[in-house]
Every structure is written in C-alpha cells, then in structure tokens.
Protein backbone atom coordinates (compact mmCIF):
# COMPACT_ATOMS: atom_id res chain seq x y z
CA MET A 1 21.52 156.39 48.59
CA LYS A 2 18.42 154.25 48.05
CA TYR A 3 17.04 156.92 45.71
CA LEU A 4 20.25 156.92 43.62
CA THR A 5 20.15 153.12 43.42
CA PHE A 6 16.55 153.26 42.20
CA LEU A 7 17.43 155.84 39.55
CA LEU A 8 20.32 153.69 38.34
CA LEU A 9 18.16 150.57 38.02
CA PHE A 10 15.38 152.53 36.31
CA SER A 11 17.81 154.04 33.80
CA LEU A 12 19.11 150.54 32.95
CA ALA A 13 15.56 149.32 32.38
CA LEU A 14 14.59 152.17 30.05
CA PRO A 15 16.03 150.66 26.84
CA CYS A 16 14.11 147.44 27.47
CA LEU A 17 10.87 149.27 28.31
CA GLY A 18 11.20 151.29 25.18
CA SER A 19 11.95 148.42 22.78
CA THR A 20 9.79 148.46 19.67
CA ALA A 21 8.36 145.49 17.83
CA GLY A 22 11.02 145.99 15.18
CA GLN A 23 13.81 145.92 17.76
CA TYR A 24 12.55 142.67 19.28
CA TYR A 25 12.32 141.23 15.77
CA GLN A 26 15.89 142.23 14.93
CA GLU A 27 17.14 140.77 18.21
CA ALA A 28 15.35 137.49 17.40
CA LEU A 29 16.99 137.33 13.97
CA LYS A 30 20.43 137.47 15.63
CA GLU A 31 19.54 134.99 18.37
CA LYS A 32 20.66 131.36 17.83
CA ASP A 33 18.67 129.72 20.65
CA LEU A 34 15.22 128.71 19.33
CA LYS A 35 13.47 129.18 22.66
CA LYS A 36 14.81 132.73 23.02
CA GLN A 37 13.97 133.45 19.38
CA ILE A 38 10.35 132.48 20.02
CA GLU A 39 10.21 134.65 23.14
CA LEU A 40 11.49 137.66 21.19
CA TYR A 41 9.13 137.11 18.25
CA THR A 42 6.27 136.82 20.75
CA LYS A 43 7.25 140.16 22.29
CA ALA A 44 7.33 141.70 18.82
CA ILE A 45 3.85 140.30 18.10
CA ASN A 46 2.52 141.55 21.43
CA LYS A 47 3.78 145.02 20.53
CA SER A 48 2.40 144.77 16.99
CA PRO A 49 -0.35 142.12 16.62
CA LYS A 50 -0.30 142.38 12.80
CA PHE A 51 3.46 141.88 12.44
CA ILE A 52 3.35 139.30 9.62
CA ALA A 53 7.10 138.68 9.42
CA ALA A 54 7.25 137.96 13.17
CA TYR A 55 4.43 135.40 12.92
CA HIS A 56 6.18 133.78 9.96
CA LYS A 57 9.54 133.57 11.69
CA ARG A 58 7.98 132.33 14.93
CA GLY A 59 6.12 129.69 12.93
CA ASP A 60 9.42 128.61 11.35
CA ALA A 61 11.02 128.41 14.81
CA TYR A 62 8.13 126.35 16.18
CA LYS A 63 8.42 124.05 13.18
CA GLU A 64 12.15 123.60 13.81
CA GLN A 65 11.33 122.73 17.43
CA GLY A 66 8.90 120.07 16.21
CA LYS A 67 5.89 121.99 17.53
CA ILE A 68 3.98 121.70 14.27
CA LYS A 69 0.54 122.63 15.63
CA LYS A 70 1.88 125.93 16.97
CA ALA A 71 3.64 126.54 13.67
CA LEU A 72 0.36 125.91 11.83
CA ALA A 73 -1.43 128.41 14.06
CA ASP A 74 1.10 131.10 13.15
CA TYR A 75 1.00 130.29 9.43
CA THR A 76 -2.82 130.37 9.50
CA LYS A 77 -2.66 133.78 11.17
CA ILE A 78 -0.43 135.23 8.46
CA ILE A 79 -2.69 133.83 5.73
CA LYS A 80 -5.58 135.74 7.32
CA LEU A 81 -3.44 138.88 7.48
CA SER A 82 -2.06 138.43 3.95
CA PRO A 83 -4.45 136.19 1.95
CA ASN A 84 -2.87 137.02 -1.43
CA ASP A 85 0.70 136.02 -0.58
CA SER A 86 1.54 132.62 -2.10
CA SER A 87 4.55 132.10 0.19
CA LYS A 88 2.27 132.03 3.23
CA TYR A 89 0.20 129.15 1.85
CA TYR A 90 3.43 127.42 0.87
CA ALA A 91 4.83 127.72 4.42
CA ARG A 92 1.68 126.22 5.92
CA GLY A 93 1.64 123.50 3.26
CA LEU A 94 5.16 122.45 4.28
CA ALA A 95 4.03 122.24 7.91
CA TYR A 96 1.09 120.03 6.93
CA LEU A 97 3.54 117.94 4.92
CA ASP A 98 5.63 117.41 8.06
CA MET A 99 2.49 116.16 9.78
CA LYS A 100 1.82 113.81 6.83
CA ASN A 101 -1.52 115.54 6.35
CA TYR A 102 -1.13 115.30 2.59
CA ALA A 103 -4.65 116.40 1.67
CA ALA A 104 -4.38 119.66 3.63
CA ALA A 105 -0.85 120.24 2.34
CA LYS A 106 -2.00 119.73 -1.25
CA ASP A 107 -4.83 122.24 -0.78
CA ASP A 108 -2.33 124.85 0.42
CA PHE A 109 0.10 124.19 -2.44
CA THR A 110 -2.85 124.51 -4.84
CA SER A 111 -3.73 127.90 -3.29
CA ALA A 112 -0.10 128.98 -3.65
CA ILE A 113 -0.09 127.94 -7.34
CA LYS A 114 -3.28 129.93 -8.02
CA LEU A 115 -1.49 133.01 -6.71
CA ASN A 116 1.86 132.24 -8.34
CA GLY A 117 1.85 129.67 -11.12
CA LYS A 118 5.55 129.94 -11.91
CA ASN A 119 7.14 128.59 -8.73
CA SER A 120 8.63 125.11 -9.29
CA SER A 121 8.69 124.32 -5.55
CA PHE A 122 4.91 124.66 -5.37
CA TYR A 123 4.42 122.13 -8.18
CA TYR A 124 7.08 119.77 -6.83
CA ASN A 125 5.54 119.63 -3.35
CA ARG A 126 2.01 119.27 -4.71
CA ALA A 127 3.25 116.34 -6.80
CA LEU A 128 4.78 114.79 -3.66
CA CYS A 129 1.39 115.07 -1.92
CA SER A 130 -0.39 113.57 -4.93
CA ILE A 131 1.90 110.52 -4.86
CA GLU A 132 1.23 109.99 -1.15
CA LEU A 133 -2.50 110.31 -1.86
CA GLY A 134 -2.31 107.75 -4.69
CA GLN A 135 -2.94 110.35 -7.42
CA MET A 136 -0.10 109.43 -9.78
CA LYS A 137 -1.36 111.06 -12.98
CA SER A 138 -1.88 114.34 -11.15
CA ALA A 139 1.67 114.08 -9.80
CA LEU A 140 3.16 113.47 -13.24
CA SER A 141 1.25 116.46 -14.62
CA ASP A 142 2.72 118.74 -11.92
CA LEU A 143 6.24 117.38 -12.35
CA LYS A 144 6.23 118.53 -15.98
CA LYS A 145 6.01 122.09 -14.64
CA VAL A 146 9.08 121.78 -12.39
CA THR A 147 11.67 123.75 -14.35
CA ASP A 148 14.01 124.80 -11.56
CA LYS A 149 17.38 123.09 -12.17
CA SER A 150 17.97 122.68 -8.43
CA LEU A 151 14.89 120.44 -8.26
CA LYS A 152 15.62 118.46 -11.42
CA ASN A 153 16.90 115.25 -9.78
CA LYS A 154 14.28 115.34 -7.04
CA ALA A 155 11.56 115.74 -9.65
CA GLN A 156 13.00 112.86 -11.67
CA PHE A 157 12.95 110.66 -8.59
CA LEU A 158 9.27 111.49 -8.02
CA LYS A 159 8.57 110.66 -11.68
CA GLY A 160 10.20 107.30 -11.08
CA ARG A 161 8.07 106.72 -7.99
CA ALA A 162 4.86 107.68 -9.80
CA ASN A 163 5.62 105.39 -12.74
CA TYR A 164 6.49 102.57 -10.35
CA LYS A 165 3.12 103.00 -8.63
CA LEU A 166 1.43 102.93 -12.04
CA TYR A 167 3.26 99.65 -12.84
CA ASN A 168 5.16 101.38 -15.64
CA TYR A 169 8.24 99.44 -14.63
CA ASP A 170 10.22 100.01 -17.85
CA THR A 171 9.83 103.78 -17.58
CA ALA A 172 10.56 103.78 -13.85
CA GLU A 173 13.63 101.60 -14.32
CA LYS A 174 15.04 103.95 -16.98
CA ILE A 175 14.55 106.96 -14.67
CA PHE A 176 16.26 105.29 -11.70
CA ASN A 177 19.13 104.06 -13.89
CA ASP A 178 19.62 107.61 -15.23
CA LEU A 179 19.77 108.90 -11.66
CA LEU A 180 22.38 106.25 -10.81
CA LYS A 181 24.55 107.41 -13.71
CA GLN A 182 24.79 110.76 -11.93
CA ASN A 183 25.17 109.25 -8.47
CA PRO A 184 26.04 105.51 -8.47
CA GLU A 185 25.43 105.30 -4.71
CA ASP A 186 21.91 106.78 -4.72
CA GLU A 187 20.38 104.37 -2.20
CA ASP A 188 16.78 105.41 -2.86
CA ALA A 189 17.13 104.76 -6.59
CA ILE A 190 18.75 101.37 -5.92
CA LEU A 191 15.94 100.42 -3.55
CA TYR A 192 13.31 101.14 -6.19
CA LEU A 193 15.24 99.12 -8.76
CA ALA A 194 15.28 96.26 -6.24
CA ARG A 195 11.51 96.60 -5.80
CA ILE A 196 11.04 96.37 -9.56
CA ARG A 197 13.22 93.24 -9.70
CA THR A 198 11.23 91.70 -6.85
CA ASN A 199 7.91 92.46 -8.53
CA ARG A 200 9.22 90.76 -11.67
CA ASP A 201 10.23 87.70 -9.62
CA MET A 202 13.91 88.45 -10.25
CA TYR A 203 14.81 87.78 -6.64
CA ASP A 204 18.53 87.06 -7.10
CA GLU A 205 19.05 90.41 -8.82
CA ALA A 206 16.97 92.18 -6.17
CA ILE A 207 19.04 90.58 -3.40
CA SER A 208 22.27 91.62 -5.15
CA LEU A 209 21.12 95.26 -5.32
CA LEU A 210 19.93 95.25 -1.72
CA SER A 211 23.13 93.63 -0.48
CA HIS A 212 25.10 96.42 -2.14
CA VAL A 213 23.13 98.99 -0.14
CA ILE A 214 23.42 97.01 3.11
CA ASN A 215 27.18 96.51 2.70
CA ARG A 216 27.58 100.28 2.51
CA ASN A 217 24.91 101.08 5.06
CA PRO A 218 24.17 98.17 7.46
CA VAL A 219 21.47 100.20 9.25
CA ASN A 220 19.29 100.80 6.19
CA GLU A 221 16.02 99.32 7.47
CA THR A 222 14.21 99.45 4.13
CA ALA A 223 16.98 97.49 2.40
CA LEU A 224 17.06 94.88 5.16
CA MET A 225 13.28 94.52 5.12
CA LEU A 226 13.13 94.14 1.34
CA ARG A 227 16.00 91.64 1.31
CA ALA A 228 14.43 89.57 4.10
CA ALA A 229 11.20 89.34 2.07
CA ALA A 230 13.15 88.37 -1.07
CA PHE A 231 15.07 85.69 0.83
CA LYS A 232 11.77 84.27 2.06
CA GLU A 233 10.37 84.13 -1.48
CA ILE A 234 13.24 81.88 -2.63
CA SER A 235 13.14 79.75 0.54
CA MET A 236 16.42 81.11 1.95
CA TYR A 237 14.83 81.10 5.38
CA GLU A 238 17.95 81.28 7.55
CA GLN A 239 19.13 84.37 5.67
CA ALA A 240 15.68 85.95 6.04
CA ILE A 241 15.78 85.25 9.78
CA GLU A 242 19.21 86.91 9.99
CA ASP A 243 17.88 90.05 8.30
CA TYR A 244 14.83 90.25 10.57
CA THR A 245 17.12 89.71 13.57
CA SER A 246 19.22 92.66 12.38
CA LEU A 247 16.08 94.74 11.97
CA ILE A 248 14.91 93.88 15.48
CA ALA A 249 18.32 94.84 16.87
CA LEU A 250 18.12 98.19 15.06
CA HIS A 251 14.49 98.96 15.78
CA PRO A 252 12.33 96.47 17.68
CA GLN A 253 8.93 96.50 15.98
CA ASP A 254 5.87 94.31 16.29
CA THR A 255 5.89 93.75 12.51
CA TYR A 256 9.50 92.52 12.46
CA TYR A 257 8.83 89.99 15.22
CA ASN A 258 5.66 88.87 13.47
CA ARG A 259 7.40 88.38 10.11
CA ARG A 260 10.25 86.44 11.67
CA GLY A 261 7.67 84.33 13.47
CA LEU A 262 6.06 83.46 10.14
CA ILE A 263 9.39 82.13 8.88
CA TYR A 264 9.85 80.04 12.00
CA GLU A 265 6.39 78.65 11.27
CA VAL A 266 7.47 77.56 7.79
CA LEU A 267 10.43 75.81 9.44
CA GLU A 268 8.01 74.27 11.98
CA ASP A 269 10.06 75.82 14.77
CA TRP A 270 6.96 76.37 16.87
CA GLU A 271 8.74 77.47 20.04
CA ASN A 272 10.62 80.31 18.34
CA ALA A 273 7.53 81.29 16.34
CA ARG A 274 5.49 81.47 19.53
CA ARG A 275 8.21 83.52 21.23
CA ASP A 276 8.27 86.02 18.37
CA TYR A 277 4.49 86.45 18.30
CA SER A 278 4.56 87.02 22.06
CA SER A 279 7.29 89.65 21.62
CA SER A 280 5.17 91.28 18.91
CA LEU A 281 2.21 91.44 21.30
CA GLU A 282 4.33 92.94 24.06
CA LEU A 283 4.96 95.86 21.72
CA ASN A 284 1.41 95.98 20.35
CA PRO A 285 -1.07 94.32 22.75
CA THR A 286 -4.06 94.95 20.46
CA TRP A 287 -2.71 93.49 17.22
CA ALA A 288 -5.21 90.85 16.10
CA ILE A 289 -2.88 89.26 13.53
CA SER A 290 -0.22 88.35 16.09
CA TYR A 291 -2.88 86.89 18.41
CA ASN A 292 -4.18 84.82 15.52
CA ASN A 293 -0.69 83.65 14.53
CA ARG A 294 0.22 82.74 18.09
CA GLY A 295 -3.08 80.92 18.48
CA TYR A 296 -2.33 78.86 15.39
CA VAL A 297 1.10 77.93 16.75
CA ASN A 298 -0.45 77.06 20.11
CA MET A 299 -2.76 74.70 18.24
CA LYS A 300 0.24 73.08 16.57
CA MET A 301 1.84 72.66 20.00
CA GLY A 302 -1.33 71.21 21.53
CA LYS A 303 -1.76 74.24 23.83
CA TYR A 304 -5.50 74.44 23.28
CA LYS A 305 -6.45 76.67 26.21
CA GLU A 306 -3.87 79.25 25.18
CA ALA A 307 -5.00 78.96 21.55
CA LYS A 308 -8.62 79.64 22.51
CA LYS A 309 -7.64 82.79 24.39
CA ASP A 310 -5.58 84.00 21.45
CA PHE A 311 -8.37 83.49 18.91
CA GLU A 312 -10.82 85.25 21.21
CA SER A 313 -8.43 88.20 21.49
CA ALA A 314 -7.85 88.26 17.72
CA LEU A 315 -11.59 88.45 17.05
CA LYS A 316 -12.08 90.97 19.85
CA TYR A 317 -9.65 93.40 18.23
CA SER A 318 -10.62 92.53 14.65
CA PRO A 319 -14.09 90.93 14.48
CA VAL A 320 -13.86 90.46 10.69
CA LEU A 321 -10.44 88.81 10.61
CA ALA A 322 -11.40 85.80 8.48
CA SER A 323 -8.26 83.74 9.19
CA ALA A 324 -8.86 84.04 12.95
CA ALA A 325 -12.44 82.84 12.52
CA ILE A 326 -11.22 79.87 10.44
CA ASN A 327 -8.62 78.96 13.04
CA TYR A 328 -11.15 79.32 15.85
CA ALA A 329 -13.49 77.00 13.94
CA GLY A 330 -10.56 74.58 13.67
CA TYR A 331 -10.00 74.83 17.41
CA TYR A 332 -13.61 73.81 18.11
CA TRP A 333 -13.25 70.76 15.90
CA THR A 334 -9.70 69.67 16.76
CA ALA A 335 -9.83 70.34 20.50
CA LYS A 336 -13.55 69.91 21.27
CA ARG A 337 -15.25 68.04 18.42
CA ASP A 338 -17.85 70.79 18.77
CA LYS A 339 -19.62 70.91 15.39
CA LYS A 340 -22.04 73.67 16.38
CA ASN A 341 -19.35 76.21 17.20
CA MET A 342 -17.14 74.95 14.40
CA TYR A 343 -19.82 75.77 11.84
CA LYS A 344 -20.60 79.04 13.62
CA TYR A 345 -17.05 80.32 13.11
CA LEU A 346 -16.76 78.82 9.63
CA ASP A 347 -19.85 80.82 8.76
CA LYS A 348 -18.29 83.93 10.27
CA ALA A 349 -15.10 83.43 8.26
CA LEU A 350 -16.89 82.85 4.97
CA LYS A 351 -19.08 85.92 5.52
CA ALA A 352 -15.83 87.86 6.14
CA ASN A 353 -14.81 86.87 2.61
CA PHE A 354 -12.46 83.98 3.33
CA LYS A 355 -11.74 82.72 -0.19
CA ASP A 356 -9.08 80.02 0.15
CA THR A 357 -11.57 77.24 0.81
CA ALA A 358 -9.32 74.72 -0.97
CA SER A 359 -6.91 75.01 1.98
CA LEU A 360 -9.58 73.54 4.28
CA TYR A 361 -9.19 70.17 2.55
CA ASP A 362 -5.38 70.14 2.37
CA GLU A 363 -3.67 68.70 5.44
CA ASP A 364 -0.48 70.65 4.62
CA GLN A 365 -2.53 73.81 4.98
CA LYS A 366 -5.67 74.41 7.08
CA GLY A 367 -7.03 70.95 6.42
CA TRP A 368 -5.36 69.41 9.47
CA LEU A 369 -7.68 71.53 11.63
CA PHE A 370 -10.72 69.81 10.11
CA LYS A 371 -9.40 66.28 9.79
CA LYS A 372 -12.05 63.64 9.02
CA ILE A 373 -14.95 66.09 9.02
CA ASN A 374 -13.70 67.87 5.90
CA ASN A 375 -14.38 64.75 3.79
CA THR A 376 -18.06 64.63 4.78
CA VAL A 377 -20.96 65.70 2.61
CA ASP A 378 -22.24 68.07 5.32
CA PHE A 379 -18.95 69.95 5.48
CA ARG A 380 -18.61 70.28 1.72
CA THR A 381 -22.24 71.33 1.34
CA PHE A 382 -21.78 74.00 4.02
CA ILE A 383 -18.68 75.43 2.34
CA GLU A 384 -20.14 75.30 -1.17
CA GLY A 385 -23.34 76.92 0.13
CA HIS A 386 -21.41 80.13 0.69
C-alpha cells in the first residue's frame, strides 16, 4: 500500500519536474498575481539563464511592484544578452525615469535612438528627461521628431513646459490655450497658464484660473499651493492661510507649515507663527530655515533663550545661512549688548553673501534688531567695509 501511494505521488509530481523554461514562461504569462508571476519567471530563468524574454517580463513585474532596483538589474542583464536591441535600453530608461534618475534615463534613451532613430517614444522620453535636467533646447529639438499621433498632445504639453522654462511666455501660452481647446478641463495646462499670469504679476487672473481647478478638484495640491502664493502677493493673507490650512489637512508638510508661519509673521500673529514653525520642525528636525524663522519670532516675543537655541540649530544645520547669522547677530545686540559677538555674526552673514544691508537700518525690517547701534559710524563702516 505504501509503495502504491509513493508511485501515485511521484506520478503527480512528474509534470512539474519535467516543466521546461518555456512552460514556466507561458504559465507566468497567464498568471495575474505579480508575486507568482515573478516566481514562475525566475524558474524559467533558472532553467534557461539566457532567456531574454523571461528577464524582460520579470523586470516589468518588479517595476509594477515598485521594486525598481530589481527591475533595473533584469533590464541590465537583457542589455548584456542583447546589446543591439533598442527596446531593452528603452525599458531600462523607463525604470530610471521612475527613479527620477534623469541623467541615466536620458543615456538609455539616447542608446535606444542610436539603434532605432524612428521611434517617437524614444524621442519623447528623452525630451522629458532633458526638461527635468534643465536642457530645454535639447528637449525642443527632440520633440520635433515626435511624429506618432498618439503622443501629439503629450509632446505639445512638453513643448509648452520647455518654452515656459525658457521664459517664452507668449509661445507657451499659445500652446496651453490650444490644448485647452481640445480639452477645456486640462488641469495641467490651466496650472501652467496660471503660472504665466503669476509671473506677469496678473494675480487676479491667476487666482481665477486656479480657483476653477480647485472648485473641480479640491485636493489638487499644486493649484492650492499656487493660489496661496498668489493670495499672499496681493496681501489677501486670510485667504492664503485658508489655502495652506487645506494643504496641511491634505498632506502635512514642513514647507506648508513654514509658509503659513511666514504669513502669520506678516500679520504679527507671533504665537501662531511660532506654532507653525514648531510643527514644521516636528516633521523635519534638521531644517535650518524653520529654526531661523522660529528664532526670529522668539526674538519678537522676547523669548531670548529660545531664540538663541534656534539660531544655533539653524547655523548647525546650515552654517552658511546668511539670514540666520544676521538674526543671531541681532540677538547678541538686542538681548546682550554684546558687540563682539554681534560683529562676529554680522561678518559671517556678509561673507555668506547677505546683500540686503539696507534692511539693517530699517526698523520695519531687520533694523529693530540693531536699534541705536545701526546709526553709529562704527556700524556703518563695518557694513560698508564688506
């Protein structure tokens, strides 16, 4: 009986033991679960270590899982096995693109183009990399070679972006308006039009465009961020605070707290400003700018010990942060009447390229930190000496 049972189990195992690399590959193609797909592709590769299609498909599965480094390893393997296949460089380039390694991605798209100079996708993705690398003219040159109709609108959008980055606002505006004629609710095109309006100091028009996006999509962070900045520019501080509050509710970020804190500063709401800078530092305990901003508010509130600690932390994490050195110099004068250290940190700030020296004499700006000493010959001579 035991012998018959063994024979039965062995006979059931035979198909599995005899599976070929091709059979594992075909099973993987039918499998919907990514983890099982990868297991089957791995078995196919183990059976046939030069199975290019299995490496490629496993790389795609790893990429879909978000395991980009493993995907890159597989794509690199197939490039070694098939160095003259443009699609292999293209696949690895897309993986680098996912990692935001634009330089490496561009190199791979360039290799793909050398092997196949007629593929629009290669040129489109190389142009995308060029834009991210700040190479706008190179991007525009590649976009001229994108002839595939399915990529037409995407290529036009990139042309708009490149022209925007080159400050060719009239050209960019025409491109984005043309895209909106085809799709009046194209949020990305509207956002770029709003940026152009903002850069031209047309804040009311920018706010109108951004409000249109936000009314349709209240969770569009870019639109909220741009509108908050526009509100601040035209002194609509309460509205700017509302937008930053919405952003914080959607996605608490150190930058959002810091920017809202800056508006509270303008309103001289020191308590709320201090609270926001503290919240920013809870999320990013090494951010010198928030330490500096909180230190400045602590000075305004007469909390000198806390201010000193904040300025020390700011300069610890960013030794060349000129505004922190200026504020620390102001602390030594306002809180201590310590000329030696005041001049020490003034020197540090000026060597760090602090240029707004006029603010040191204006009591509505930094001048209040240097009250009475900033009207002396010694002070002026020291500043002018730099």
